[in-house]
Amino acid sequence: MKRHALLFGLIGGLLIATLQYTEYRFIVIEHSVEIYGALVAVLFAAFGIWLGLRITRNRETVRETIVVKEILVPSETPAPETPASEPFAPNPTRQLTLGITARELEILTLVARGLSNREIGATLFISEHTAANHIRSILRKTGCANRTDATSYAHRHGLVEA
């Protein structure tokens, strides 16, 4: 009797395993396109996340490098020995008539001393480009063609010290 129970148990287990296997094969074969599509979607999603993280990390590194380089660049020319402002009182009515700002007057004084845009920038702690923009504005307001004309104009009209 024990043999029969063992034999029936083994046969029953084998039948159940066969049914499970055929059901599994049927499901896999029946839904193979969906299973394949899901696997491809998971792979592409993982690749997209990985690529996005990699690109983002590289951009942050580049931004940090640019900021560090921008801050740490030393000035190539030393600041001039002459101070930026002296006790000279310019003609305020002429300054107002021309529309020259206090900063432009300060830059015109340095131009009259013969400083370059780079030296003006180092003296006033502004960029060379900003100094050039102020000088262009001064030339436009005074109607002068160049720095020499602007210096002569400033001396004639009492805007800078002679």
C-alpha atoms as a PDB file:
ATOM      1  CA  MET A   1       0.000   0.000   0.000  1.00  0.00           C
ATOM      2  CA  LYS A   2       2.848   2.341   0.726  1.00  0.00           C
ATOM      3  CA  ARG A   3       4.242   1.578  -2.689  1.00  0.00           C
ATOM      4  CA  HIS A   4       1.001   2.494  -4.379  1.00  0.00           C
ATOM      5  CA  ALA A   5       0.738   5.766  -2.469  1.00  0.00           C
ATOM      6  CA  LEU A   6       4.342   6.616  -3.351  1.00  0.00           C
ATOM      7  CA  LEU A   7       3.782   5.668  -6.992  1.00  0.00           C
ATOM      8  CA  PHE A   8       0.545   7.688  -7.228  1.00  0.00           C
ATOM      9  CA  GLY A   9       2.290  10.639  -5.535  1.00  0.00           C
ATOM     10  CA  LEU A  10       5.175  10.573  -8.006  1.00  0.00           C
ATOM     11  CA  ILE A  11       2.856  10.259 -11.000  1.00  0.00           C
ATOM     12  CA  GLY A  12       0.635  13.062  -9.670  1.00  0.00           C
ATOM     13  CA  GLY A  13       3.657  15.299  -9.108  1.00  0.00           C
ATOM     14  CA  LEU A  14       4.929  14.534 -12.604  1.00  0.00           C
ATOM     15  CA  LEU A  15       1.532  15.348 -14.111  1.00  0.00           C
ATOM     16  CA  ILE A  16       1.312  18.628 -12.201  1.00  0.00           C
ATOM     17  CA  ALA A  17       4.859  19.561 -13.285  1.00  0.00           C
ATOM     18  CA  THR A  18       3.982  18.746 -16.911  1.00  0.00           C
ATOM     19  CA  LEU A  19       0.812  20.844 -16.756  1.00  0.00           C
ATOM     20  CA  GLN A  20       2.696  23.770 -15.200  1.00  0.00           C
ATOM     21  CA  TYR A  21       5.414  23.509 -17.857  1.00  0.00           C
ATOM     22  CA  THR A  22       2.916  23.440 -20.736  1.00  0.00           C
ATOM     23  CA  GLU A  23       0.961  26.327 -19.223  1.00  0.00           C
ATOM     24  CA  TYR A  24       4.180  28.311 -18.842  1.00  0.00           C
ATOM     25  CA  ARG A  25       5.197  27.587 -22.453  1.00  0.00           C
ATOM     26  CA  PHE A  26       1.724  28.539 -23.657  1.00  0.00           C
ATOM     27  CA  ILE A  27       1.854  31.871 -21.797  1.00  0.00           C
ATOM     28  CA  VAL A  28       5.379  32.627 -23.008  1.00  0.00           C
ATOM     29  CA  ILE A  29       4.576  31.744 -26.605  1.00  0.00           C
ATOM     30  CA  GLU A  30       1.210  33.511 -26.542  1.00  0.00           C
ATOM     31  CA  HIS A  31       2.580  36.720 -25.031  1.00  0.00           C
ATOM     32  CA  SER A  32       6.131  36.692 -26.368  1.00  0.00           C
ATOM     33  CA  VAL A  33       5.784  40.073 -28.140  1.00  0.00           C
ATOM     34  CA  GLU A  34       4.609  41.795 -24.949  1.00  0.00           C
ATOM     35  CA  ILE A  35       7.368  40.188 -22.887  1.00  0.00           C
ATOM     36  CA  TYR A  36       9.978  41.198 -25.459  1.00  0.00           C
ATOM     37  CA  GLY A  37       8.619  44.768 -25.591  1.00  0.00           C
ATOM     38  CA  ALA A  38       8.711  45.053 -21.797  1.00  0.00           C
ATOM     39  CA  LEU A  39      12.321  43.871 -21.686  1.00  0.00           C
ATOM     40  CA  VAL A  40      13.355  46.370 -24.372  1.00  0.00           C
ATOM     41  CA  ALA A  41      11.513  49.180 -22.546  1.00  0.00           C
ATOM     42  CA  VAL A  42      13.279  48.365 -19.275  1.00  0.00           C
ATOM     43  CA  LEU A  43      16.679  48.300 -21.007  1.00  0.00           C
ATOM     44  CA  PHE A  44      16.106  51.645 -22.759  1.00  0.00           C
ATOM     45  CA  ALA A  45      14.823  53.261 -19.558  1.00  0.00           C
ATOM     46  CA  ALA A  46      17.902  52.091 -17.647  1.00  0.00           C
ATOM     47  CA  PHE A  47      20.194  53.336 -20.425  1.00  0.00           C
ATOM     48  CA  GLY A  48      18.417  56.701 -20.535  1.00  0.00           C
ATOM     49  CA  ILE A  49      18.732  57.196 -16.780  1.00  0.00           C
ATOM     50  CA  TRP A  50      22.406  56.250 -16.862  1.00  0.00           C
ATOM     51  CA  LEU A  51      23.122  58.583 -19.790  1.00  0.00           C
ATOM     52  CA  GLY A  52      21.210  61.462 -18.196  1.00  0.00           C
ATOM     53  CA  LEU A  53      23.162  61.140 -14.961  1.00  0.00           C
ATOM     54  CA  ARG A  54      26.447  60.977 -16.827  1.00  0.00           C
ATOM     55  CA  ILE A  55      25.701  64.086 -18.894  1.00  0.00           C
ATOM     56  CA  THR A  56      24.457  66.028 -15.875  1.00  0.00           C
ATOM     57  CA  ARG A  57      27.549  65.232 -13.832  1.00  0.00           C
ATOM     58  CA  ASN A  58      29.826  66.394 -16.664  1.00  0.00           C
ATOM     59  CA  ARG A  59      27.986  69.736 -17.039  1.00  0.00           C
ATOM     60  CA  GLU A  60      28.179  70.455 -13.323  1.00  0.00           C
ATOM     61  CA  THR A  61      31.903  69.763 -13.409  1.00  0.00           C
ATOM     62  CA  VAL A  62      32.374  72.128 -16.353  1.00  0.00           C
ATOM     63  CA  ARG A  63      30.396  74.876 -14.601  1.00  0.00           C
ATOM     64  CA  GLU A  64      32.491  74.501 -11.467  1.00  0.00           C
ATOM     65  CA  THR A  65      35.682  74.633 -13.488  1.00  0.00           C
ATOM     66  CA  ILE A  66      34.612  77.791 -15.303  1.00  0.00           C
ATOM     67  CA  VAL A  67      33.704  79.549 -12.077  1.00  0.00           C
ATOM     68  CA  VAL A  68      36.971  78.539 -10.432  1.00  0.00           C
ATOM     69  CA  LYS A  69      39.012  79.670 -13.423  1.00  0.00           C
ATOM     70  CA  GLU A  70      37.130  82.952 -13.634  1.00  0.00           C
ATOM     71  CA  ILE A  71      37.749  83.735  -9.977  1.00  0.00           C
ATOM     72  CA  LEU A  72      41.379  82.619  -9.804  1.00  0.00           C
ATOM     73  CA  VAL A  73      42.796  84.417 -12.878  1.00  0.00           C
ATOM     74  CA  PRO A  74      45.423  86.871 -11.607  1.00  0.00           C
ATOM     75  CA  SER A  75      45.822  90.337 -13.041  1.00  0.00           C
ATOM     76  CA  GLU A  76      48.636  90.503 -15.581  1.00  0.00           C
ATOM     77  CA  THR A  77      49.516  94.150 -14.940  1.00  0.00           C
ATOM     78  CA  PRO A  78      50.108  95.698 -11.544  1.00  0.00           C
ATOM     79  CA  ALA A  79      47.867  98.514 -10.445  1.00  0.00           C
ATOM     80  CA  PRO A  80      49.287 101.961 -11.247  1.00  0.00           C
ATOM     81  CA  GLU A  81      50.910 103.864  -8.416  1.00  0.00           C
ATOM     82  CA  THR A  82      48.755 106.970  -8.853  1.00  0.00           C
ATOM     83  CA  PRO A  83      45.522 106.975  -6.859  1.00  0.00           C
ATOM     84  CA  ALA A  84      42.210 106.851  -8.707  1.00  0.00           C
ATOM     85  CA  SER A  85      40.794 110.044  -7.257  1.00  0.00           C
ATOM     86  CA  GLU A  86      42.562 113.278  -6.395  1.00  0.00           C
ATOM     87  CA  PRO A  87      41.265 116.450  -4.732  1.00  0.00           C
ATOM     88  CA  PHE A  88      40.383 118.196  -7.996  1.00  0.00           C
ATOM     89  CA  ALA A  89      36.953 119.727  -8.428  1.00  0.00           C
ATOM     90  CA  PRO A  90      35.743 119.453 -12.020  1.00  0.00           C
ATOM     91  CA  ASN A  91      33.364 121.924 -13.611  1.00  0.00           C
ATOM     92  CA  PRO A  92      30.006 120.530 -12.408  1.00  0.00           C
ATOM     93  CA  THR A  93      27.815 122.614 -14.727  1.00  0.00           C
ATOM     94  CA  ARG A  94      29.727 121.455 -17.796  1.00  0.00           C
ATOM     95  CA  GLN A  95      29.605 117.872 -16.537  1.00  0.00           C
ATOM     96  CA  LEU A  96      25.820 118.096 -16.141  1.00  0.00           C
ATOM     97  CA  THR A  97      25.430 119.742 -19.551  1.00  0.00           C
ATOM     98  CA  LEU A  98      27.282 116.875 -21.248  1.00  0.00           C
ATOM     99  CA  GLY A  99      25.494 114.228 -19.186  1.00  0.00           C
ATOM    100  CA  ILE A 100      28.779 112.681 -18.039  1.00  0.00           C
ATOM    101  CA  THR A 101      28.359 110.526 -14.958  1.00  0.00           C
ATOM    102  CA  ALA A 102      30.724 110.588 -11.998  1.00  0.00           C
ATOM    103  CA  ARG A 103      32.170 107.216 -13.061  1.00  0.00           C
ATOM    104  CA  GLU A 104      32.755 108.448 -16.614  1.00  0.00           C
ATOM    105  CA  LEU A 105      34.475 111.535 -15.240  1.00  0.00           C
ATOM    106  CA  GLU A 106      36.683 109.300 -13.128  1.00  0.00           C
ATOM    107  CA  ILE A 107      37.580 107.267 -16.214  1.00  0.00           C
ATOM    108  CA  LEU A 108      38.149 110.421 -18.294  1.00  0.00           C
ATOM    109  CA  THR A 109      40.621 111.588 -15.637  1.00  0.00           C
ATOM    110  CA  LEU A 110      42.532 108.301 -15.962  1.00  0.00           C
ATOM    111  CA  VAL A 111      42.447 108.543 -19.763  1.00  0.00           C
ATOM    112  CA  ALA A 112      43.898 112.050 -19.490  1.00  0.00           C
ATOM    113  CA  ARG A 113      46.751 110.608 -17.411  1.00  0.00           C
ATOM    114  CA  GLY A 114      47.510 108.230 -20.291  1.00  0.00           C
ATOM    115  CA  LEU A 115      46.327 104.957 -18.788  1.00  0.00           C
ATOM    116  CA  SER A 116      45.261 102.096 -21.081  1.00  0.00           C
ATOM    117  CA  ASN A 117      41.918 100.303 -20.786  1.00  0.00           C
ATOM    118  CA  ARG A 118      43.625  97.462 -18.949  1.00  0.00           C
ATOM    119  CA  GLU A 119      45.288  99.838 -16.476  1.00  0.00           C
ATOM    120  CA  ILE A 120      42.002 101.714 -15.948  1.00  0.00           C
ATOM    121  CA  GLY A 121      40.277  98.425 -15.249  1.00  0.00           C
ATOM    122  CA  ALA A 122      42.954  97.401 -12.740  1.00  0.00           C
ATOM    123  CA  THR A 123      42.787 100.789 -10.993  1.00  0.00           C
ATOM    124  CA  LEU A 124      39.003 100.899 -10.682  1.00  0.00           C
ATOM    125  CA  PHE A 125      38.510  97.139 -10.239  1.00  0.00           C
ATOM    126  CA  ILE A 126      36.408  96.805 -13.399  1.00  0.00           C
ATOM    127  CA  SER A 127      36.991  94.736 -16.506  1.00  0.00           C
ATOM    128  CA  GLU A 128      38.878  96.041 -19.504  1.00  0.00           C
ATOM    129  CA  HIS A 129      35.674  95.682 -21.530  1.00  0.00           C
ATOM    130  CA  THR A 130      33.705  97.839 -19.065  1.00  0.00           C
ATOM    131  CA  ALA A 131      36.393 100.533 -19.219  1.00  0.00           C
ATOM    132  CA  ALA A 132      36.183 100.501 -23.024  1.00  0.00           C
ATOM    133  CA  ASN A 133      32.377 100.833 -22.853  1.00  0.00           C
ATOM    134  CA  HIS A 134      32.673 103.884 -20.571  1.00  0.00           C
ATOM    135  CA  ILE A 135      35.243 105.451 -22.914  1.00  0.00           C
ATOM    136  CA  ARG A 136      32.945 104.900 -25.915  1.00  0.00           C
ATOM    137  CA  SER A 137      30.163 106.617 -23.996  1.00  0.00           C
ATOM    138  CA  ILE A 138      32.453 109.552 -23.150  1.00  0.00           C
ATOM    139  CA  LEU A 139      33.507 109.915 -26.798  1.00  0.00           C
ATOM    140  CA  ARG A 140      29.874 109.886 -27.910  1.00  0.00           C
ATOM    141  CA  LYS A 141      28.800 112.474 -25.332  1.00  0.00           C
ATOM    142  CA  THR A 142      31.710 114.834 -26.032  1.00  0.00           C
ATOM    143  CA  GLY A 143      31.624 114.350 -29.812  1.00  0.00           C
ATOM    144  CA  CYS A 144      35.310 113.407 -29.869  1.00  0.00           C
ATOM    145  CA  ALA A 145      36.861 110.951 -32.294  1.00  0.00           C
ATOM    146  CA  ASN A 146      39.531 109.403 -30.059  1.00  0.00           C
ATOM    147  CA  ARG A 147      41.085 109.416 -26.597  1.00  0.00           C
ATOM    148  CA  THR A 148      43.486 112.244 -27.398  1.00  0.00           C
ATOM    149  CA  ASP A 149      40.639 114.503 -28.521  1.00  0.00           C
ATOM    150  CA  ALA A 150      38.672 113.594 -25.402  1.00  0.00           C
ATOM    151  CA  THR A 151      41.654 114.476 -23.182  1.00  0.00           C
ATOM    152  CA  SER A 152      42.089 117.834 -24.911  1.00  0.00           C
ATOM    153  CA  TYR A 153      38.354 118.509 -24.682  1.00  0.00           C
ATOM    154  CA  ALA A 154      38.351 117.655 -20.952  1.00  0.00           C
ATOM    155  CA  HIS A 155      41.272 120.045 -20.281  1.00  0.00           C
ATOM    156  CA  ARG A 156      39.672 122.893 -22.264  1.00  0.00           C
ATOM    157  CA  HIS A 157      36.326 122.557 -20.447  1.00  0.00           C
ATOM    158  CA  GLY A 158      37.713 122.087 -16.959  1.00  0.00           C
ATOM    159  CA  LEU A 159      36.583 118.481 -16.553  1.00  0.00           C
ATOM    160  CA  VAL A 160      40.049 117.218 -15.605  1.00  0.00           C
ATOM    161  CA  GLU A 161      43.094 118.795 -14.011  1.00  0.00           C
ATOM    162  CA  ALA A 162      45.469 120.456 -16.467  1.00  0.00           C
END
